[in-house]
């Protein structure tokens, strides 16, 4: 139906449990088996990506690179993008490339200026050279982790829902049909263009849970 080359199904957690460790374990195993020597891995952020980093088979001297596909958070939360990238890089003995800017710029004009500046411009340009990108699905349900962690305010969460967004993939807010949602926060998000992500050789979406079904779809 969706043109996927492969779908990996993992056991459901116990009722009320967290699917992220289970999905992350499978994602970590997949990356370990499919990231080639000298290959470049791009990652987004989230608890599933964190779990994947904890489940990578450790490598040494294989000349891998890890590229963080989003900005960071000045205030550390339970899941910090920079921590995820560092964990991945340590496990793979890889060089790590960070987007040295906030996840959200204060204004859209500042966002554009940051994206056009070095080294952010060069890191984001690496997206088209990725061998594999590991992405998570960030939902906007009442269980939304960005809301729980304070990454976005409740007012922003509500306005995104009102605008029709069901979640985001690498900072691109999408509606139920998969179309981009025009919203002020989307214009302030520092991330690679959606077209660049779609050009990656292999895209892996690691996500689970009924509350994430709309954004996974």
C-alpha atoms as a PDB file:
ATOM      1  CA  UNK A   1       0.000   0.000   0.000  1.00  0.00           C
ATOM      2  CA  UNK A   2       2.715   2.492   0.956  1.00  0.00           C
ATOM      3  CA  UNK A   3       5.631   1.300  -1.157  1.00  0.00           C
ATOM      4  CA  UNK A   4       7.769   0.295   1.798  1.00  0.00           C
ATOM      5  CA  UNK A   5      10.699  -2.002   1.108  1.00  0.00           C
ATOM      6  CA  UNK A   6      10.431  -3.531   4.545  1.00  0.00           C
ATOM      7  CA  UNK A   7       8.352  -3.341   7.717  1.00  0.00           C
ATOM      8  CA  UNK A   8       9.686  -4.594  11.041  1.00  0.00           C
ATOM      9  CA  UNK A   9       7.040  -5.399  13.641  1.00  0.00           C
ATOM     10  CA  UNK A  10       7.926  -5.630  17.325  1.00  0.00           C
ATOM     11  CA  UNK A  11       5.917  -6.905  20.310  1.00  0.00           C
ATOM     12  CA  UNK A  12       3.509  -4.477  21.941  1.00  0.00           C
ATOM     13  CA  UNK A  13       4.355  -3.317  25.467  1.00  0.00           C
ATOM     14  CA  UNK A  14       2.167  -4.276  28.360  1.00  0.00           C
ATOM     15  CA  UNK A  15      -1.053  -2.287  28.605  1.00  0.00           C
ATOM     16  CA  UNK A  16      -0.154   1.321  29.298  1.00  0.00           C
ATOM     17  CA  UNK A  17       3.532   0.628  28.667  1.00  0.00           C
ATOM     18  CA  UNK A  18       6.010   2.579  26.568  1.00  0.00           C
ATOM     19  CA  UNK A  19       6.596   1.311  23.025  1.00  0.00           C
ATOM     20  CA  UNK A  20       9.738   3.371  22.528  1.00  0.00           C
ATOM     21  CA  UNK A  21      12.255   0.939  24.110  1.00  0.00           C
ATOM     22  CA  UNK A  22      10.899  -1.931  22.004  1.00  0.00           C
ATOM     23  CA  UNK A  23      10.819   0.017  18.747  1.00  0.00           C
ATOM     24  CA  UNK A  24      14.183   1.589  19.553  1.00  0.00           C
ATOM     25  CA  UNK A  25      15.785  -1.804  20.137  1.00  0.00           C
ATOM     26  CA  UNK A  26      14.669  -2.983  16.701  1.00  0.00           C
ATOM     27  CA  UNK A  27      15.811   0.303  15.122  1.00  0.00           C
ATOM     28  CA  UNK A  28      19.232   0.023  16.751  1.00  0.00           C
ATOM     29  CA  UNK A  29      19.621  -3.512  15.473  1.00  0.00           C
ATOM     30  CA  UNK A  30      18.556  -2.460  11.981  1.00  0.00           C
ATOM     31  CA  UNK A  31      21.063   0.393  11.853  1.00  0.00           C
ATOM     32  CA  UNK A  32      23.803  -1.912  13.147  1.00  0.00           C
ATOM     33  CA  UNK A  33      23.117  -4.363  10.328  1.00  0.00           C
ATOM     34  CA  UNK A  34      22.574  -1.901   7.466  1.00  0.00           C
ATOM     35  CA  UNK A  35      24.858   1.119   8.003  1.00  0.00           C
ATOM     36  CA  UNK A  36      27.843   0.386   5.750  1.00  0.00           C
ATOM     37  CA  UNK A  37      31.483   1.011   6.615  1.00  0.00           C
ATOM     38  CA  UNK A  38      32.325   4.661   5.901  1.00  0.00           C
ATOM     39  CA  UNK A  39      28.567   5.283   5.754  1.00  0.00           C
ATOM     40  CA  UNK A  40      26.812   8.369   7.096  1.00  0.00           C
ATOM     41  CA  UNK A  41      23.823   8.131   9.429  1.00  0.00           C
ATOM     42  CA  UNK A  42      21.382  10.990   9.945  1.00  0.00           C
ATOM     43  CA  UNK A  43      19.137  11.060  13.007  1.00  0.00           C
ATOM     44  CA  UNK A  44      16.242  13.121  14.291  1.00  0.00           C
ATOM     45  CA  UNK A  45      15.446  13.287  18.003  1.00  0.00           C
ATOM     46  CA  UNK A  46      13.134  11.624  20.501  1.00  0.00           C
ATOM     47  CA  UNK A  47      12.905   8.784  22.978  1.00  0.00           C
ATOM     48  CA  UNK A  48      12.842   6.126  20.263  1.00  0.00           C
ATOM     49  CA  UNK A  49      16.089   7.458  18.793  1.00  0.00           C
ATOM     50  CA  UNK A  50      17.576   7.466  22.295  1.00  0.00           C
ATOM     51  CA  UNK A  51      16.583   3.814  22.713  1.00  0.00           C
ATOM     52  CA  UNK A  52      18.076   2.979  19.311  1.00  0.00           C
ATOM     53  CA  UNK A  53      21.385   4.533  20.361  1.00  0.00           C
ATOM     54  CA  UNK A  54      21.437   2.278  23.408  1.00  0.00           C
ATOM     55  CA  UNK A  55      20.959  -0.794  21.217  1.00  0.00           C
ATOM     56  CA  UNK A  56      23.621  -0.257  18.569  1.00  0.00           C
ATOM     57  CA  UNK A  57      26.280  -2.900  18.100  1.00  0.00           C
ATOM     58  CA  UNK A  58      29.529  -1.174  18.956  1.00  0.00           C
ATOM     59  CA  UNK A  59      31.977  -0.517  16.133  1.00  0.00           C
ATOM     60  CA  UNK A  60      35.587   0.543  15.936  1.00  0.00           C
ATOM     61  CA  UNK A  61      37.499   2.221  13.153  1.00  0.00           C
ATOM     62  CA  UNK A  62      34.833   1.944  10.435  1.00  0.00           C
ATOM     63  CA  UNK A  63      34.933   5.648   9.489  1.00  0.00           C
ATOM     64  CA  UNK A  64      31.239   6.260  10.061  1.00  0.00           C
ATOM     65  CA  UNK A  65      29.646   9.678  10.482  1.00  0.00           C
ATOM     66  CA  UNK A  66      26.570  10.726  12.458  1.00  0.00           C
ATOM     67  CA  UNK A  67      24.638  13.845  11.454  1.00  0.00           C
ATOM     68  CA  UNK A  68      22.062  15.413  13.765  1.00  0.00           C
ATOM     69  CA  UNK A  69      19.166  16.652  11.635  1.00  0.00           C
ATOM     70  CA  UNK A  70      17.758  19.204  14.066  1.00  0.00           C
ATOM     71  CA  UNK A  71      18.853  21.951  16.389  1.00  0.00           C
ATOM     72  CA  UNK A  72      19.341  21.463  20.102  1.00  0.00           C
ATOM     73  CA  UNK A  73      17.647  22.398  23.322  1.00  0.00           C
ATOM     74  CA  UNK A  74      19.297  24.933  25.621  1.00  0.00           C
ATOM     75  CA  UNK A  75      17.548  23.435  28.635  1.00  0.00           C
ATOM     76  CA  UNK A  76      18.270  19.740  28.951  1.00  0.00           C
ATOM     77  CA  UNK A  77      15.223  17.501  29.046  1.00  0.00           C
ATOM     78  CA  UNK A  78      14.807  13.775  29.489  1.00  0.00           C
ATOM     79  CA  UNK A  79      15.709  13.332  25.825  1.00  0.00           C
ATOM     80  CA  UNK A  80      18.162  15.861  24.387  1.00  0.00           C
ATOM     81  CA  UNK A  81      19.031  15.820  20.671  1.00  0.00           C
ATOM     82  CA  UNK A  82      22.720  16.412  21.351  1.00  0.00           C
ATOM     83  CA  UNK A  83      22.818  13.503  23.818  1.00  0.00           C
ATOM     84  CA  UNK A  84      21.235  11.198  21.249  1.00  0.00           C
ATOM     85  CA  UNK A  85      23.790  12.132  18.591  1.00  0.00           C
ATOM     86  CA  UNK A  86      26.710  11.751  20.996  1.00  0.00           C
ATOM     87  CA  UNK A  87      25.498   8.318  22.103  1.00  0.00           C
ATOM     88  CA  UNK A  88      25.173   7.198  18.491  1.00  0.00           C
ATOM     89  CA  UNK A  89      28.626   8.487  17.620  1.00  0.00           C
ATOM     90  CA  UNK A  90      30.283   6.831  20.624  1.00  0.00           C
ATOM     91  CA  UNK A  91      28.715   3.469  19.816  1.00  0.00           C
ATOM     92  CA  UNK A  92      29.764   3.690  16.169  1.00  0.00           C
ATOM     93  CA  UNK A  93      33.168   5.284  16.855  1.00  0.00           C
ATOM     94  CA  UNK A  94      31.950   7.917  14.420  1.00  0.00           C
ATOM     95  CA  UNK A  95      32.585  11.584  13.745  1.00  0.00           C
ATOM     96  CA  UNK A  96      29.546  13.547  14.886  1.00  0.00           C
ATOM     97  CA  UNK A  97      28.138  16.624  13.171  1.00  0.00           C
ATOM     98  CA  UNK A  98      25.792  18.879  15.117  1.00  0.00           C
ATOM     99  CA  UNK A  99      23.446  21.624  14.027  1.00  0.00           C
ATOM    100  CA  UNK A 100      24.861  24.226  16.388  1.00  0.00           C
ATOM    101  CA  UNK A 101      21.660  26.213  16.726  1.00  0.00           C
ATOM    102  CA  UNK A 102      18.446  25.975  18.739  1.00  0.00           C
ATOM    103  CA  UNK A 103      15.672  23.660  17.618  1.00  0.00           C
ATOM    104  CA  UNK A 104      13.462  26.739  17.198  1.00  0.00           C
ATOM    105  CA  UNK A 105      14.796  30.195  16.348  1.00  0.00           C
ATOM    106  CA  UNK A 106      13.167  33.219  17.962  1.00  0.00           C
ATOM    107  CA  UNK A 107      11.918  34.536  14.621  1.00  0.00           C
ATOM    108  CA  UNK A 108      11.599  33.207  11.078  1.00  0.00           C
ATOM    109  CA  UNK A 109      14.128  35.809   9.910  1.00  0.00           C
ATOM    110  CA  UNK A 110      16.660  34.574  12.464  1.00  0.00           C
ATOM    111  CA  UNK A 111      15.941  31.002  11.415  1.00  0.00           C
ATOM    112  CA  UNK A 112      16.734  31.850   7.800  1.00  0.00           C
ATOM    113  CA  UNK A 113      19.922  33.672   8.819  1.00  0.00           C
ATOM    114  CA  UNK A 114      21.103  30.740  10.938  1.00  0.00           C
ATOM    115  CA  UNK A 115      20.380  28.188   8.223  1.00  0.00           C
ATOM    116  CA  UNK A 116      22.376  30.309   5.758  1.00  0.00           C
ATOM    117  CA  UNK A 117      25.354  30.585   8.131  1.00  0.00           C
ATOM    118  CA  UNK A 118      28.305  28.272   8.662  1.00  0.00           C
ATOM    119  CA  UNK A 119      28.673  25.618   9.927  1.00  0.00           C
ATOM    120  CA  UNK A 120      24.908  25.043  10.061  1.00  0.00           C
ATOM    121  CA  UNK A 121      24.579  25.402   6.292  1.00  0.00           C
ATOM    122  CA  UNK A 122      27.227  22.745   5.662  1.00  0.00           C
ATOM    123  CA  UNK A 123      25.788  20.280   8.176  1.00  0.00           C
ATOM    124  CA  UNK A 124      22.273  20.574   6.746  1.00  0.00           C
ATOM    125  CA  UNK A 125      23.723  20.145   3.246  1.00  0.00           C
ATOM    126  CA  UNK A 126      25.072  16.741   4.308  1.00  0.00           C
ATOM    127  CA  UNK A 127      21.511  15.382   4.281  1.00  0.00           C
ATOM    128  CA  UNK A 128      21.625  14.612   0.557  1.00  0.00           C
ATOM    129  CA  UNK A 129      24.776  12.491   1.109  1.00  0.00           C
ATOM    130  CA  UNK A 130      23.328  10.304   3.874  1.00  0.00           C
ATOM    131  CA  UNK A 131      23.374   6.557   3.438  1.00  0.00           C
ATOM    132  CA  UNK A 132      20.636   6.090   6.027  1.00  0.00           C
ATOM    133  CA  UNK A 133      18.373   8.399   8.022  1.00  0.00           C
ATOM    134  CA  UNK A 134      16.722   7.211  11.231  1.00  0.00           C
ATOM    135  CA  UNK A 135      13.633   9.313  11.908  1.00  0.00           C
ATOM    136  CA  UNK A 136      11.038   9.310  14.657  1.00  0.00           C
ATOM    137  CA  UNK A 137       7.374  10.310  14.509  1.00  0.00           C
ATOM    138  CA  UNK A 138       6.522  13.065  16.985  1.00  0.00           C
ATOM    139  CA  UNK A 139       2.809  13.094  17.736  1.00  0.00           C
ATOM    140  CA  UNK A 140       0.559  15.905  18.920  1.00  0.00           C
ATOM    141  CA  UNK A 141      -1.788  13.715  20.920  1.00  0.00           C
ATOM    142  CA  UNK A 142      -2.480  14.335  24.593  1.00  0.00           C
ATOM    143  CA  UNK A 143       0.477  12.010  25.240  1.00  0.00           C
ATOM    144  CA  UNK A 144       2.837  14.201  23.208  1.00  0.00           C
ATOM    145  CA  UNK A 145       6.343  14.082  24.666  1.00  0.00           C
ATOM    146  CA  UNK A 146       7.367  17.569  23.430  1.00  0.00           C
ATOM    147  CA  UNK A 147       4.418  18.911  25.402  1.00  0.00           C
ATOM    148  CA  UNK A 148       5.304  16.797  28.451  1.00  0.00           C
ATOM    149  CA  UNK A 149       8.975  17.821  28.295  1.00  0.00           C
ATOM    150  CA  UNK A 150       8.184  21.497  27.765  1.00  0.00           C
ATOM    151  CA  UNK A 151       9.750  21.638  24.308  1.00  0.00           C
ATOM    152  CA  UNK A 152       6.575  23.315  23.068  1.00  0.00           C
ATOM    153  CA  UNK A 153       4.025  25.195  25.141  1.00  0.00           C
ATOM    154  CA  UNK A 154       0.445  24.033  25.575  1.00  0.00           C
ATOM    155  CA  UNK A 155      -0.683  27.067  23.576  1.00  0.00           C
ATOM    156  CA  UNK A 156       1.599  26.098  20.678  1.00  0.00           C
ATOM    157  CA  UNK A 157       0.478  22.462  20.940  1.00  0.00           C
ATOM    158  CA  UNK A 158      -3.156  23.523  20.745  1.00  0.00           C
ATOM    159  CA  UNK A 159      -2.611  25.947  17.868  1.00  0.00           C
ATOM    160  CA  UNK A 160      -0.793  23.264  15.877  1.00  0.00           C
ATOM    161  CA  UNK A 161      -3.719  20.908  16.402  1.00  0.00           C
ATOM    162  CA  UNK A 162      -6.138  23.672  15.443  1.00  0.00           C
ATOM    163  CA  UNK A 163      -4.146  24.192  12.241  1.00  0.00           C
ATOM    164  CA  UNK A 164      -4.642  20.517  11.394  1.00  0.00           C
ATOM    165  CA  UNK A 165      -1.224  19.149  12.356  1.00  0.00           C
ATOM    166  CA  UNK A 166      -1.100  15.596  13.722  1.00  0.00           C
ATOM    167  CA  UNK A 167       2.638  15.634  14.432  1.00  0.00           C
ATOM    168  CA  UNK A 168       6.008  16.167  12.856  1.00  0.00           C
ATOM    169  CA  UNK A 169       8.778  14.263  11.123  1.00  0.00           C
ATOM    170  CA  UNK A 170      12.164  15.926  11.626  1.00  0.00           C
ATOM    171  CA  UNK A 171      10.440  19.217  12.467  1.00  0.00           C
ATOM    172  CA  UNK A 172       8.105  19.178   9.467  1.00  0.00           C
ATOM    173  CA  UNK A 173       4.562  19.440  10.795  1.00  0.00           C
ATOM    174  CA  UNK A 174       2.104  17.373   8.770  1.00  0.00           C
ATOM    175  CA  UNK A 175      -1.658  17.036   8.621  1.00  0.00           C
ATOM    176  CA  UNK A 176      -3.581  13.753   8.493  1.00  0.00           C
ATOM    177  CA  UNK A 177      -3.080  13.561   4.719  1.00  0.00           C
ATOM    178  CA  UNK A 178       0.665  14.093   4.951  1.00  0.00           C
ATOM    179  CA  UNK A 179       0.709  17.680   3.697  1.00  0.00           C
ATOM    180  CA  UNK A 180       2.874  20.354   5.313  1.00  0.00           C
ATOM    181  CA  UNK A 181       1.038  22.581   7.793  1.00  0.00           C
ATOM    182  CA  UNK A 182       1.779  26.297   7.658  1.00  0.00           C
ATOM    183  CA  UNK A 183       2.275  27.437  11.240  1.00  0.00           C
ATOM    184  CA  UNK A 184       4.529  30.066  12.877  1.00  0.00           C
ATOM    185  CA  UNK A 185       6.627  27.423  14.668  1.00  0.00           C
ATOM    186  CA  UNK A 186       7.254  25.626  11.377  1.00  0.00           C
ATOM    187  CA  UNK A 187       8.764  28.825   9.998  1.00  0.00           C
ATOM    188  CA  UNK A 188      11.100  29.019  13.023  1.00  0.00           C
ATOM    189  CA  UNK A 189      12.225  25.382  13.019  1.00  0.00           C
ATOM    190  CA  UNK A 190      15.813  24.722  12.030  1.00  0.00           C
ATOM    191  CA  UNK A 191      15.839  21.553   9.950  1.00  0.00           C
ATOM    192  CA  UNK A 192      16.690  20.273   6.482  1.00  0.00           C
ATOM    193  CA  UNK A 193      14.176  20.753   3.651  1.00  0.00           C
ATOM    194  CA  UNK A 194      11.631  17.973   3.298  1.00  0.00           C
ATOM    195  CA  UNK A 195      12.728  17.374  -0.310  1.00  0.00           C
ATOM    196  CA  UNK A 196      16.298  16.737   0.893  1.00  0.00           C
ATOM    197  CA  UNK A 197      15.054  14.182   3.414  1.00  0.00           C
ATOM    198  CA  UNK A 198      13.016  12.453   0.736  1.00  0.00           C
ATOM    199  CA  UNK A 199      16.152  12.121  -1.413  1.00  0.00           C
ATOM    200  CA  UNK A 200      18.031  10.057   1.204  1.00  0.00           C
ATOM    201  CA  UNK A 201      19.012   6.595  -0.031  1.00  0.00           C
ATOM    202  CA  UNK A 202      17.290   4.823   2.841  1.00  0.00           C
ATOM    203  CA  UNK A 203      14.728   6.340   5.199  1.00  0.00           C
ATOM    204  CA  UNK A 204      13.860   4.438   8.366  1.00  0.00           C
ATOM    205  CA  UNK A 205      10.880   5.554  10.437  1.00  0.00           C
ATOM    206  CA  UNK A 206      11.001   4.152  13.956  1.00  0.00           C
ATOM    207  CA  UNK A 207       7.734   4.710  15.779  1.00  0.00           C
ATOM    208  CA  UNK A 208       4.986   2.889  17.622  1.00  0.00           C
ATOM    209  CA  UNK A 209       1.881   3.322  19.736  1.00  0.00           C
ATOM    210  CA  UNK A 210      -1.767   3.864  18.822  1.00  0.00           C
ATOM    211  CA  UNK A 211      -1.488   7.563  19.736  1.00  0.00           C
ATOM    212  CA  UNK A 212       1.139   7.935  16.970  1.00  0.00           C
ATOM    213  CA  UNK A 213      -0.952   6.278  14.292  1.00  0.00           C
ATOM    214  CA  UNK A 214      -2.006   9.566  12.597  1.00  0.00           C
ATOM    215  CA  UNK A 215       1.550  10.881  12.159  1.00  0.00           C
ATOM    216  CA  UNK A 216       2.918   7.439  11.212  1.00  0.00           C
ATOM    217  CA  UNK A 217       0.242   7.229   8.513  1.00  0.00           C
END
